[in-house]
Amino acid sequence: MKSSESLLAAMAVVAVCVIPADIMYTSRFVPRFKELEKQRIVTSNQLATAKIVSENLNHVRDLVYRNMDFAGQKDTVSQESILFDFLTSCVTDLKMRLVSVRPGLPTTQGRVTTNGYDIELEGDFFSFGEFCSKLENSRRVMALTSFEVTQNAKETPVTATTPKSGKGPVVAPISGRRGASIKIHLDTFRVKKG
């Protein structure tokens, strides 16, 4: 028993001596740890900034290629088809209704060809705001040059095709929101490489 008690006492004495020694030894590393943490934060911020810049540059590259006519370039899909696909997907996602799209005559000024479209939508004002956001983030250069929103007195039904059956339209009201009739003029641009 005495040997186990003396072993226990020796271990207690060693622990009491080692703990302060460990604290004194590791305390000199605290400033270095703080410095490393600051460097980690700076590096993380630089990587995040580089990622954002890279995404923006990719977006600009896509804008150039999708909005310029290069010599010998053959579009497999017309620019109007791309715009109509974009409009219908936006309207479907936002549970709005595309009433009409009337293209105007293209105008050319220098190297820039402008195609204007008069578009009529039905939905609510919040969906229209989201629609404008989608226009801003599209891969086409577009300008919403004018819009007119007329508030309806009743809820506006939204028409969408059911994805499973693919049959006829399904009509569902936008619950709790008053509908609006929205008329916009949208210009798209195509630049010839000079």
N, C-alpha and C. Protein backbone atom coordinates (compact mmCIF):
# COMPACT_ATOMS: atom_id res chain seq x y z
N MET A 1 0.81 -1.20 0.00
CA MET A 1 0.00 0.00 0.00
C MET A 1 0.85 1.27 0.00
N LYS A 2 1.97 1.18 0.76
CA LYS A 2 2.79 2.38 0.86
C LYS A 2 3.37 2.74 -0.50
N SER A 3 3.73 1.76 -1.28
CA SER A 3 4.32 2.07 -2.57
C SER A 3 3.28 2.71 -3.50
N SER A 4 2.04 2.25 -3.44
CA SER A 4 1.01 2.87 -4.27
C SER A 4 0.68 4.27 -3.81
N GLU A 5 0.72 4.50 -2.48
CA GLU A 5 0.46 5.86 -1.97
C GLU A 5 1.60 6.79 -2.34
N SER A 6 2.82 6.29 -2.27
CA SER A 6 3.95 7.14 -2.63
C SER A 6 3.96 7.40 -4.14
N LEU A 7 3.54 6.40 -4.93
CA LEU A 7 3.44 6.60 -6.37
C LEU A 7 2.37 7.65 -6.69
N LEU A 8 1.25 7.58 -6.02
CA LEU A 8 0.17 8.56 -6.20
C LEU A 8 0.63 9.95 -5.78
N ALA A 9 1.35 10.05 -4.67
CA ALA A 9 1.86 11.34 -4.19
C ALA A 9 2.86 11.89 -5.18
N ALA A 10 3.72 11.01 -5.72
CA ALA A 10 4.72 11.46 -6.69
C ALA A 10 4.03 11.97 -7.95
N MET A 11 3.00 11.27 -8.40
CA MET A 11 2.26 11.71 -9.58
C MET A 11 1.59 13.06 -9.34
N ALA A 12 1.05 13.28 -8.15
CA ALA A 12 0.41 14.55 -7.81
C ALA A 12 1.43 15.67 -7.83
N VAL A 13 2.64 15.41 -7.26
CA VAL A 13 3.68 16.43 -7.25
C VAL A 13 4.13 16.75 -8.68
N VAL A 14 4.29 15.71 -9.51
CA VAL A 14 4.69 15.92 -10.89
C VAL A 14 3.62 16.73 -11.64
N ALA A 15 2.35 16.40 -11.43
CA ALA A 15 1.25 17.12 -12.09
C ALA A 15 1.25 18.58 -11.67
N VAL A 16 1.45 18.82 -10.37
CA VAL A 16 1.45 20.20 -9.88
C VAL A 16 2.62 20.98 -10.49
N CYS A 17 3.74 20.31 -10.72
CA CYS A 17 4.89 20.99 -11.32
C CYS A 17 4.74 21.14 -12.84
N VAL A 18 4.17 20.13 -13.49
CA VAL A 18 4.07 20.14 -14.95
C VAL A 18 3.03 21.15 -15.45
N ILE A 19 1.92 21.27 -14.77
CA ILE A 19 0.85 22.18 -15.22
C ILE A 19 1.35 23.62 -15.32
N PRO A 20 1.96 24.20 -14.29
CA PRO A 20 2.48 25.57 -14.45
C PRO A 20 3.57 25.67 -15.52
N ALA A 21 4.43 24.63 -15.61
CA ALA A 21 5.48 24.65 -16.63
C ALA A 21 4.85 24.64 -18.03
N ASP A 22 3.80 23.83 -18.22
CA ASP A 22 3.11 23.77 -19.50
C ASP A 22 2.45 25.11 -19.84
N ILE A 23 1.84 25.72 -18.84
CA ILE A 23 1.19 27.03 -19.06
C ILE A 23 2.23 28.07 -19.46
N MET A 24 3.37 28.07 -18.75
CA MET A 24 4.43 29.04 -19.08
C MET A 24 4.99 28.77 -20.48
N TYR A 25 5.16 27.49 -20.84
CA TYR A 25 5.74 27.13 -22.12
C TYR A 25 4.80 27.49 -23.28
N THR A 26 3.51 27.15 -23.14
CA THR A 26 2.57 27.42 -24.23
C THR A 26 2.15 28.88 -24.30
N SER A 27 2.25 29.63 -23.21
CA SER A 27 1.83 31.03 -23.24
C SER A 27 2.68 31.86 -24.19
N ARG A 28 3.91 31.44 -24.43
CA ARG A 28 4.75 32.20 -25.36
C ARG A 28 4.29 32.02 -26.81
N PHE A 29 3.45 30.99 -27.07
CA PHE A 29 2.94 30.76 -28.42
C PHE A 29 1.63 31.50 -28.70
N VAL A 30 0.99 32.04 -27.69
CA VAL A 30 -0.30 32.72 -27.86
C VAL A 30 -0.21 33.87 -28.87
N PRO A 31 0.78 34.75 -28.79
CA PRO A 31 0.86 35.81 -29.81
C PRO A 31 1.02 35.25 -31.23
N ARG A 32 1.77 34.16 -31.37
CA ARG A 32 1.95 33.55 -32.69
C ARG A 32 0.63 32.97 -33.20
N PHE A 33 -0.13 32.32 -32.29
CA PHE A 33 -1.44 31.78 -32.67
C PHE A 33 -2.38 32.90 -33.12
N LYS A 34 -2.36 34.02 -32.42
CA LYS A 34 -3.21 35.17 -32.80
C LYS A 34 -2.79 35.71 -34.16
N GLU A 35 -1.48 35.77 -34.41
CA GLU A 35 -0.97 36.23 -35.70
C GLU A 35 -1.40 35.29 -36.82
N LEU A 36 -1.31 33.98 -36.58
CA LEU A 36 -1.74 33.00 -37.58
C LEU A 36 -3.23 33.10 -37.86
N GLU A 37 -4.04 33.36 -36.84
CA GLU A 37 -5.49 33.51 -37.01
C GLU A 37 -5.80 34.74 -37.86
N LYS A 38 -5.08 35.84 -37.63
CA LYS A 38 -5.28 37.05 -38.44
C LYS A 38 -4.92 36.77 -39.90
N GLN A 39 -3.82 36.05 -40.13
CA GLN A 39 -3.41 35.72 -41.49
C GLN A 39 -4.43 34.82 -42.16
N ARG A 40 -5.01 33.89 -41.41
CA ARG A 40 -6.03 33.00 -41.96
C ARG A 40 -7.26 33.79 -42.40
N ILE A 41 -7.67 34.76 -41.58
CA ILE A 41 -8.84 35.58 -41.92
C ILE A 41 -8.56 36.42 -43.17
N VAL A 42 -7.37 37.02 -43.24
CA VAL A 42 -7.01 37.84 -44.41
C VAL A 42 -7.00 36.97 -45.67
N THR A 43 -6.41 35.79 -45.57
CA THR A 43 -6.34 34.89 -46.73
C THR A 43 -7.72 34.43 -47.15
N SER A 44 -8.59 34.12 -46.19
CA SER A 44 -9.97 33.72 -46.52
C SER A 44 -10.71 34.84 -47.24
N ASN A 45 -10.52 36.06 -46.76
CA ASN A 45 -11.18 37.21 -47.42
C ASN A 45 -10.65 37.42 -48.82
N GLN A 46 -9.33 37.25 -49.01
CA GLN A 46 -8.75 37.41 -50.35
C GLN A 46 -9.28 36.33 -51.29
N LEU A 47 -9.41 35.09 -50.80
CA LEU A 47 -9.94 34.02 -51.64
C LEU A 47 -11.40 34.28 -52.01
N ALA A 48 -12.19 34.77 -51.06
CA ALA A 48 -13.59 35.08 -51.35
C ALA A 48 -13.69 36.20 -52.38
N THR A 49 -12.84 37.22 -52.24
CA THR A 49 -12.83 38.32 -53.20
C THR A 49 -12.42 37.83 -54.59
N ALA A 50 -11.41 36.97 -54.64
CA ALA A 50 -10.96 36.43 -55.92
C ALA A 50 -12.07 35.61 -56.58
N LYS A 51 -12.82 34.86 -55.79
CA LYS A 51 -13.93 34.06 -56.34
C LYS A 51 -15.01 34.98 -56.92
N ILE A 52 -15.34 36.05 -56.22
CA ILE A 52 -16.36 36.98 -56.70
C ILE A 52 -15.90 37.65 -58.00
N VAL A 53 -14.63 38.08 -58.04
CA VAL A 53 -14.10 38.71 -59.25
C VAL A 53 -14.11 37.72 -60.41
N SER A 54 -13.75 36.48 -60.14
CA SER A 54 -13.74 35.45 -61.19
C SER A 54 -15.16 35.23 -61.73
N GLU A 55 -16.14 35.14 -60.84
CA GLU A 55 -17.53 34.95 -61.29
C GLU A 55 -18.00 36.14 -62.11
N ASN A 56 -17.63 37.35 -61.69
CA ASN A 56 -18.02 38.54 -62.44
C ASN A 56 -17.36 38.58 -63.82
N LEU A 57 -16.09 38.20 -63.89
CA LEU A 57 -15.40 38.16 -65.18
C LEU A 57 -16.01 37.11 -66.10
N ASN A 58 -16.40 35.96 -65.55
CA ASN A 58 -17.07 34.95 -66.36
C ASN A 58 -18.40 35.47 -66.88
N HIS A 59 -19.12 36.22 -66.04
CA HIS A 59 -20.40 36.80 -66.46
C HIS A 59 -20.18 37.80 -67.59
N VAL A 60 -19.14 38.63 -67.47
CA VAL A 60 -18.84 39.61 -68.52
C VAL A 60 -18.47 38.89 -69.81
N ARG A 61 -17.66 37.82 -69.72
CA ARG A 61 -17.29 37.05 -70.91
C ARG A 61 -18.55 36.49 -71.59
N ASP A 62 -19.46 35.93 -70.78
CA ASP A 62 -20.71 35.41 -71.34
C ASP A 62 -21.52 36.53 -72.00
N LEU A 63 -21.54 37.71 -71.37
CA LEU A 63 -22.27 38.84 -71.97
C LEU A 63 -21.69 39.20 -73.33
N VAL A 64 -20.36 39.21 -73.43
CA VAL A 64 -19.73 39.56 -74.70
C VAL A 64 -20.09 38.53 -75.76
N TYR A 65 -19.94 37.25 -75.45
CA TYR A 65 -20.19 36.22 -76.45
C TYR A 65 -21.66 36.09 -76.82
N ARG A 66 -22.56 36.38 -75.90
CA ARG A 66 -23.98 36.23 -76.20
C ARG A 66 -24.59 37.47 -76.84
N ASN A 67 -23.87 38.57 -76.84
CA ASN A 67 -24.44 39.82 -77.33
C ASN A 67 -23.65 40.43 -78.49
N MET A 68 -22.68 39.71 -79.00
CA MET A 68 -21.91 40.23 -80.12
C MET A 68 -22.04 39.30 -81.31
N ASP A 69 -22.02 39.89 -82.49
CA ASP A 69 -21.97 39.14 -83.75
C ASP A 69 -20.52 39.08 -84.18
N PHE A 70 -19.96 37.89 -84.20
CA PHE A 70 -18.59 37.72 -84.66
C PHE A 70 -18.63 37.28 -86.12
N ALA A 71 -17.59 37.64 -86.86
CA ALA A 71 -17.51 37.25 -88.28
C ALA A 71 -17.54 35.74 -88.39
N GLY A 72 -18.41 35.23 -89.25
CA GLY A 72 -18.51 33.79 -89.47
C GLY A 72 -19.27 33.04 -88.39
N GLN A 73 -19.80 33.76 -87.41
CA GLN A 73 -20.55 33.11 -86.33
C GLN A 73 -21.92 32.70 -86.83
N LYS A 74 -22.27 31.47 -86.58
CA LYS A 74 -23.60 30.98 -86.97
C LYS A 74 -24.35 30.61 -85.70
N ASP A 75 -25.43 31.33 -85.44
CA ASP A 75 -26.26 31.02 -84.29
C ASP A 75 -27.14 29.83 -84.61
N THR A 76 -27.09 28.80 -83.77
CA THR A 76 -27.94 27.64 -83.99
C THR A 76 -29.36 27.94 -83.54
N VAL A 77 -29.50 28.86 -82.58
CA VAL A 77 -30.82 29.26 -82.09
C VAL A 77 -30.91 30.78 -82.24
N SER A 78 -32.03 31.26 -82.74
CA SER A 78 -32.17 32.71 -82.95
C SER A 78 -32.19 33.44 -81.61
N GLN A 79 -31.78 34.70 -81.67
CA GLN A 79 -31.76 35.53 -80.47
C GLN A 79 -33.17 35.71 -79.89
N GLU A 80 -34.17 35.78 -80.77
CA GLU A 80 -35.55 35.91 -80.29
C GLU A 80 -35.98 34.66 -79.54
N SER A 81 -35.61 33.49 -80.03
CA SER A 81 -35.95 32.24 -79.34
C SER A 81 -35.33 32.19 -77.95
N ILE A 82 -34.08 32.63 -77.86
CA ILE A 82 -33.41 32.66 -76.55
C ILE A 82 -34.14 33.60 -75.61
N LEU A 83 -34.54 34.78 -76.12
CA LEU A 83 -35.27 35.74 -75.29
C LEU A 83 -36.62 35.17 -74.86
N PHE A 84 -37.36 34.57 -75.78
CA PHE A 84 -38.67 34.02 -75.44
C PHE A 84 -38.55 32.89 -74.43
N ASP A 85 -37.53 32.04 -74.57
CA ASP A 85 -37.30 30.98 -73.58
C ASP A 85 -37.02 31.58 -72.21
N PHE A 86 -36.19 32.63 -72.19
CA PHE A 86 -35.87 33.31 -70.94
C PHE A 86 -37.12 33.91 -70.30
N LEU A 87 -37.92 34.61 -71.12
CA LEU A 87 -39.14 35.24 -70.59
C LEU A 87 -40.11 34.20 -70.04
N THR A 88 -40.35 33.14 -70.79
CA THR A 88 -41.32 32.14 -70.33
C THR A 88 -40.82 31.42 -69.09
N SER A 89 -39.53 31.15 -68.98
CA SER A 89 -39.04 30.49 -67.77
C SER A 89 -39.14 31.42 -66.57
N CYS A 90 -38.85 32.71 -66.76
CA CYS A 90 -38.99 33.68 -65.66
C CYS A 90 -40.43 33.78 -65.20
N VAL A 91 -41.33 33.92 -66.15
CA VAL A 91 -42.75 34.07 -65.83
C VAL A 91 -43.28 32.82 -65.13
N THR A 92 -42.87 31.65 -65.59
CA THR A 92 -43.31 30.40 -64.97
C THR A 92 -42.76 30.29 -63.55
N ASP A 93 -41.47 30.59 -63.36
CA ASP A 93 -40.86 30.52 -62.04
C ASP A 93 -41.55 31.45 -61.05
N LEU A 94 -41.96 32.62 -61.52
CA LEU A 94 -42.54 33.63 -60.64
C LEU A 94 -44.06 33.54 -60.54
N LYS A 95 -44.64 32.53 -61.19
CA LYS A 95 -46.09 32.32 -61.17
C LYS A 95 -46.84 33.54 -61.70
N MET A 96 -46.29 34.11 -62.76
CA MET A 96 -46.93 35.22 -63.44
C MET A 96 -47.56 34.68 -64.72
N ARG A 97 -48.19 35.55 -65.47
CA ARG A 97 -48.80 35.15 -66.74
C ARG A 97 -48.29 36.07 -67.83
N LEU A 98 -47.78 35.48 -68.90
CA LEU A 98 -47.31 36.23 -70.06
C LEU A 98 -48.50 36.39 -71.00
N VAL A 99 -48.99 37.63 -71.13
CA VAL A 99 -50.18 37.89 -71.94
C VAL A 99 -49.79 38.05 -73.40
N SER A 100 -48.78 38.87 -73.67
CA SER A 100 -48.38 39.08 -75.07
C SER A 100 -46.95 39.60 -75.15
N VAL A 101 -46.33 39.31 -76.29
CA VAL A 101 -45.01 39.84 -76.63
C VAL A 101 -45.10 40.31 -78.08
N ARG A 102 -44.90 41.61 -78.27
CA ARG A 102 -44.95 42.17 -79.62
C ARG A 102 -43.58 42.76 -79.97
N PRO A 103 -42.88 42.09 -80.90
CA PRO A 103 -41.58 42.63 -81.29
C PRO A 103 -41.75 43.84 -82.20
N GLY A 104 -40.84 44.80 -82.04
CA GLY A 104 -40.82 45.96 -82.92
C GLY A 104 -39.78 45.76 -84.00
N LEU A 105 -39.68 46.70 -84.89
CA LEU A 105 -38.68 46.63 -85.95
C LEU A 105 -37.30 46.93 -85.34
N PRO A 106 -36.30 46.16 -85.72
CA PRO A 106 -34.96 46.44 -85.20
C PRO A 106 -34.42 47.75 -85.74
N THR A 107 -33.67 48.46 -84.92
CA THR A 107 -33.01 49.69 -85.36
C THR A 107 -31.51 49.50 -85.19
N THR A 108 -30.76 50.03 -86.16
CA THR A 108 -29.31 49.90 -86.11
C THR A 108 -28.69 51.28 -86.07
N GLN A 109 -27.81 51.46 -85.11
CA GLN A 109 -27.09 52.72 -84.99
C GLN A 109 -25.62 52.37 -84.81
N GLY A 110 -24.83 52.61 -85.82
CA GLY A 110 -23.43 52.22 -85.78
C GLY A 110 -23.32 50.70 -85.79
N ARG A 111 -22.65 50.15 -84.82
CA ARG A 111 -22.48 48.69 -84.74
C ARG A 111 -23.54 48.02 -83.88
N VAL A 112 -24.43 48.80 -83.26
CA VAL A 112 -25.40 48.26 -82.31
C VAL A 112 -26.78 48.14 -82.95
N THR A 113 -27.32 46.93 -82.91
CA THR A 113 -28.69 46.69 -83.37
C THR A 113 -29.57 46.52 -82.13
N THR A 114 -30.64 47.32 -82.08
CA THR A 114 -31.55 47.28 -80.94
C THR A 114 -32.86 46.65 -81.38
N ASN A 115 -33.29 45.63 -80.64
CA ASN A 115 -34.59 45.00 -80.87
C ASN A 115 -35.49 45.36 -79.70
N GLY A 116 -36.63 45.98 -80.00
CA GLY A 116 -37.56 46.36 -78.95
C GLY A 116 -38.74 45.41 -78.88
N TYR A 117 -39.25 45.20 -77.67
CA TYR A 117 -40.39 44.31 -77.45
C TYR A 117 -41.35 44.98 -76.48
N ASP A 118 -42.63 44.99 -76.86
CA ASP A 118 -43.68 45.42 -75.94
C ASP A 118 -44.26 44.15 -75.33
N ILE A 119 -44.17 44.06 -74.02
CA ILE A 119 -44.55 42.83 -73.30
C ILE A 119 -45.63 43.18 -72.29
N GLU A 120 -46.64 42.32 -72.23
CA GLU A 120 -47.69 42.49 -71.23
C GLU A 120 -47.71 41.26 -70.34
N LEU A 121 -47.69 41.50 -69.04
CA LEU A 121 -47.68 40.44 -68.02
C LEU A 121 -48.82 40.64 -67.05
N GLU A 122 -49.17 39.57 -66.36
CA GLU A 122 -50.10 39.67 -65.24
C GLU A 122 -49.48 38.96 -64.07
N GLY A 123 -49.62 39.53 -62.91
CA GLY A 123 -49.07 38.96 -61.69
C GLY A 123 -49.28 39.93 -60.56
N ASP A 124 -48.33 40.03 -59.66
CA ASP A 124 -48.41 41.02 -58.60
C ASP A 124 -47.13 41.85 -58.62
N PHE A 125 -47.13 42.92 -57.85
CA PHE A 125 -46.00 43.85 -57.90
C PHE A 125 -44.72 43.21 -57.39
N PHE A 126 -44.81 42.32 -56.40
CA PHE A 126 -43.62 41.67 -55.86
C PHE A 126 -43.00 40.74 -56.91
N SER A 127 -43.83 40.03 -57.64
CA SER A 127 -43.32 39.16 -58.72
C SER A 127 -42.68 40.01 -59.81
N PHE A 128 -43.25 41.16 -60.08
CA PHE A 128 -42.66 42.06 -61.08
C PHE A 128 -41.27 42.51 -60.65
N GLY A 129 -41.11 42.79 -59.37
CA GLY A 129 -39.79 43.16 -58.85
C GLY A 129 -38.78 42.03 -59.05
N GLU A 130 -39.20 40.80 -58.77
CA GLU A 130 -38.33 39.64 -58.99
C GLU A 130 -38.02 39.46 -60.48
N PHE A 131 -39.02 39.72 -61.31
CA PHE A 131 -38.84 39.63 -62.76
C PHE A 131 -37.76 40.63 -63.21
N CYS A 132 -37.82 41.85 -62.71
CA CYS A 132 -36.81 42.87 -63.05
C CYS A 132 -35.42 42.43 -62.59
N SER A 133 -35.35 41.80 -61.44
CA SER A 133 -34.07 41.28 -60.94
C SER A 133 -33.51 40.21 -61.87
N LYS A 134 -34.39 39.33 -62.37
CA LYS A 134 -33.95 38.30 -63.30
C LYS A 134 -33.46 38.92 -64.62
N LEU A 135 -34.12 39.98 -65.06
CA LEU A 135 -33.66 40.67 -66.28
C LEU A 135 -32.25 41.22 -66.07
N GLU A 136 -32.03 41.79 -64.90
CA GLU A 136 -30.73 42.38 -64.61
C GLU A 136 -29.62 41.33 -64.58
N ASN A 137 -29.94 40.13 -64.13
CA ASN A 137 -28.93 39.09 -63.99
C ASN A 137 -28.86 38.14 -65.18
N SER A 138 -29.55 38.47 -66.25
CA SER A 138 -29.54 37.57 -67.41
C SER A 138 -28.22 37.67 -68.15
N ARG A 139 -28.02 36.76 -69.08
CA ARG A 139 -26.80 36.76 -69.88
C ARG A 139 -26.94 37.57 -71.16
N ARG A 140 -28.04 38.24 -71.30
CA ARG A 140 -28.26 39.15 -72.43
C ARG A 140 -28.21 40.57 -71.90
N VAL A 141 -27.77 41.49 -72.74
CA VAL A 141 -27.82 42.89 -72.37
C VAL A 141 -29.22 43.39 -72.72
N MET A 142 -29.97 43.78 -71.70
CA MET A 142 -31.35 44.22 -71.89
C MET A 142 -31.56 45.52 -71.13
N ALA A 143 -32.50 46.31 -71.63
CA ALA A 143 -32.85 47.55 -70.95
C ALA A 143 -34.36 47.62 -70.85
N LEU A 144 -34.85 47.72 -69.63
CA LEU A 144 -36.27 47.92 -69.38
C LEU A 144 -36.48 49.43 -69.47
N THR A 145 -36.94 49.90 -70.64
CA THR A 145 -36.98 51.34 -70.88
C THR A 145 -38.23 52.01 -70.33
N SER A 146 -39.32 51.26 -70.19
CA SER A 146 -40.53 51.83 -69.59
C SER A 146 -41.42 50.70 -69.07
N PHE A 147 -42.23 51.05 -68.08
CA PHE A 147 -43.20 50.08 -67.59
C PHE A 147 -44.40 50.81 -67.00
N GLU A 148 -45.50 50.11 -67.01
CA GLU A 148 -46.75 50.66 -66.47
C GLU A 148 -47.43 49.53 -65.70
N VAL A 149 -47.75 49.79 -64.44
CA VAL A 149 -48.40 48.79 -63.60
C VAL A 149 -49.78 49.29 -63.24
N THR A 150 -50.80 48.47 -63.55
CA THR A 150 -52.17 48.80 -63.22
C THR A 150 -52.67 47.77 -62.22
N GLN A 151 -53.07 48.23 -61.04
CA GLN A 151 -53.53 47.33 -59.98
C GLN A 151 -54.95 46.85 -60.28
N ASN A 152 -55.16 45.54 -60.20
CA ASN A 152 -56.50 44.98 -60.36
C ASN A 152 -57.20 44.95 -59.01
N ALA A 153 -58.52 45.01 -59.02
CA ALA A 153 -59.29 45.00 -57.78
C ALA A 153 -59.40 43.61 -57.18
N LYS A 154 -59.23 42.58 -57.99
CA LYS A 154 -59.39 41.21 -57.50
C LYS A 154 -58.06 40.47 -57.62
N GLU A 155 -58.01 39.28 -57.02
CA GLU A 155 -56.83 38.44 -57.14
C GLU A 155 -56.68 37.98 -58.59
N THR A 156 -55.45 37.87 -59.04
CA THR A 156 -55.18 37.46 -60.41
C THR A 156 -54.85 35.98 -60.46
N PRO A 157 -55.58 35.21 -61.29
CA PRO A 157 -55.20 33.80 -61.42
C PRO A 157 -53.93 33.66 -62.24
N VAL A 158 -53.16 32.65 -61.91
CA VAL A 158 -51.92 32.38 -62.62
C VAL A 158 -52.10 31.07 -63.37
N THR A 159 -51.69 31.04 -64.63
CA THR A 159 -51.82 29.84 -65.45
C THR A 159 -50.45 29.20 -65.62
N ALA A 160 -50.40 27.91 -65.40
CA ALA A 160 -49.15 27.17 -65.61
C ALA A 160 -49.51 25.77 -66.08
N THR A 161 -48.60 25.15 -66.83
CA THR A 161 -48.84 23.79 -67.28
C THR A 161 -48.36 22.83 -66.21
N THR A 162 -49.14 21.81 -65.94
CA THR A 162 -48.74 20.83 -64.93
C THR A 162 -47.56 20.03 -65.45
N PRO A 163 -46.49 19.89 -64.64
CA PRO A 163 -45.30 19.22 -65.13
C PRO A 163 -45.47 17.71 -65.34
N LYS A 164 -46.34 17.06 -64.58
CA LYS A 164 -46.47 15.60 -64.68
C LYS A 164 -47.24 15.18 -65.92
N SER A 165 -48.40 15.77 -66.12
CA SER A 165 -49.22 15.32 -67.24
C SER A 165 -48.86 16.05 -68.53
N GLY A 166 -48.40 17.29 -68.41
CA GLY A 166 -48.09 18.07 -69.60
C GLY A 166 -49.34 18.52 -70.32
N LYS A 167 -50.49 18.26 -69.73
CA LYS A 167 -51.76 18.64 -70.36
C LYS A 167 -52.15 20.03 -69.92
N GLY A 168 -53.08 20.58 -70.59
CA GLY A 168 -53.70 21.87 -70.38
C GLY A 168 -53.26 22.69 -69.18
N PRO A 169 -53.73 23.91 -69.13
CA PRO A 169 -53.32 24.82 -68.07
C PRO A 169 -54.02 24.53 -66.75
N VAL A 170 -53.33 24.88 -65.69
CA VAL A 170 -53.89 24.81 -64.34
C VAL A 170 -53.99 26.24 -63.87
N VAL A 171 -55.15 26.64 -63.38
CA VAL A 171 -55.33 28.01 -62.95
C VAL A 171 -55.41 28.04 -61.43
N ALA A 172 -54.55 28.86 -60.83
CA ALA A 172 -54.53 28.99 -59.38
C ALA A 172 -54.37 30.46 -59.03
N PRO A 173 -55.16 30.96 -58.07
CA PRO A 173 -55.02 32.37 -57.70
C PRO A 173 -53.76 32.60 -56.88
N ILE A 174 -53.23 33.81 -56.96
CA ILE A 174 -52.13 34.21 -56.09
C ILE A 174 -52.78 34.60 -54.78
N SER A 175 -52.64 33.76 -53.78
CA SER A 175 -53.40 33.96 -52.55
C SER A 175 -52.97 35.21 -51.80
N GLY A 176 -53.95 36.00 -51.42
CA GLY A 176 -53.73 37.16 -50.58
C GLY A 176 -53.09 38.36 -51.27
N ARG A 177 -52.77 38.26 -52.53
CA ARG A 177 -52.14 39.37 -53.23
C ARG A 177 -53.07 39.86 -54.34
N ARG A 178 -53.14 41.14 -54.45
CA ARG A 178 -53.92 41.69 -55.55
C ARG A 178 -53.10 41.59 -56.82
N GLY A 179 -53.78 41.27 -57.89
CA GLY A 179 -53.09 41.13 -59.17
C GLY A 179 -52.83 42.49 -59.80
N ALA A 180 -51.95 42.46 -60.78
CA ALA A 180 -51.63 43.68 -61.51
C ALA A 180 -51.42 43.34 -62.97
N SER A 181 -51.78 44.28 -63.82
CA SER A 181 -51.50 44.18 -65.24
C SER A 181 -50.26 45.03 -65.47
N ILE A 182 -49.23 44.43 -66.07
CA ILE A 182 -47.95 45.11 -66.22
C ILE A 182 -47.59 45.17 -67.70
N LYS A 183 -47.33 46.38 -68.18
CA LYS A 183 -46.90 46.57 -69.57
C LYS A 183 -45.48 47.13 -69.52
N ILE A 184 -44.57 46.46 -70.24
CA ILE A 184 -43.19 46.93 -70.24
C ILE A 184 -42.68 47.04 -71.68
N HIS A 185 -41.68 47.88 -71.86
CA HIS A 185 -40.96 47.92 -73.13
C HIS A 185 -39.53 47.50 -72.81
N LEU A 186 -39.09 46.45 -73.49
CA LEU A 186 -37.78 45.87 -73.26
C LEU A 186 -36.96 45.96 -74.53
N ASP A 187 -35.74 46.48 -74.42
CA ASP A 187 -34.83 46.53 -75.55
C ASP A 187 -33.71 45.53 -75.33
N THR A 188 -33.37 44.77 -76.39
CA THR A 188 -32.19 43.92 -76.35
C THR A 188 -31.21 44.44 -77.40
N PHE A 189 -29.95 44.15 -77.19
CA PHE A 189 -28.92 44.74 -78.03
C PHE A 189 -28.01 43.66 -78.60
N ARG A 190 -27.59 43.87 -79.83
CA ARG A 190 -26.64 42.98 -80.48
C ARG A 190 -25.56 43.87 -81.11
N VAL A 191 -24.31 43.60 -80.82
CA VAL A 191 -23.20 44.44 -81.28
C VAL A 191 -22.40 43.69 -82.33
N LYS A 192 -22.16 44.34 -83.46
CA LYS A 192 -21.31 43.74 -84.50
C LYS A 192 -19.87 44.05 -84.18
N LYS A 193 -19.04 43.03 -84.32
CA LYS A 193 -17.62 43.23 -84.08
C LYS A 193 -17.08 44.12 -85.19
N GLY A 194 -16.40 45.20 -84.79
CA GLY A 194 -15.95 46.18 -85.77
C GLY A 194 -14.57 46.00 -86.09
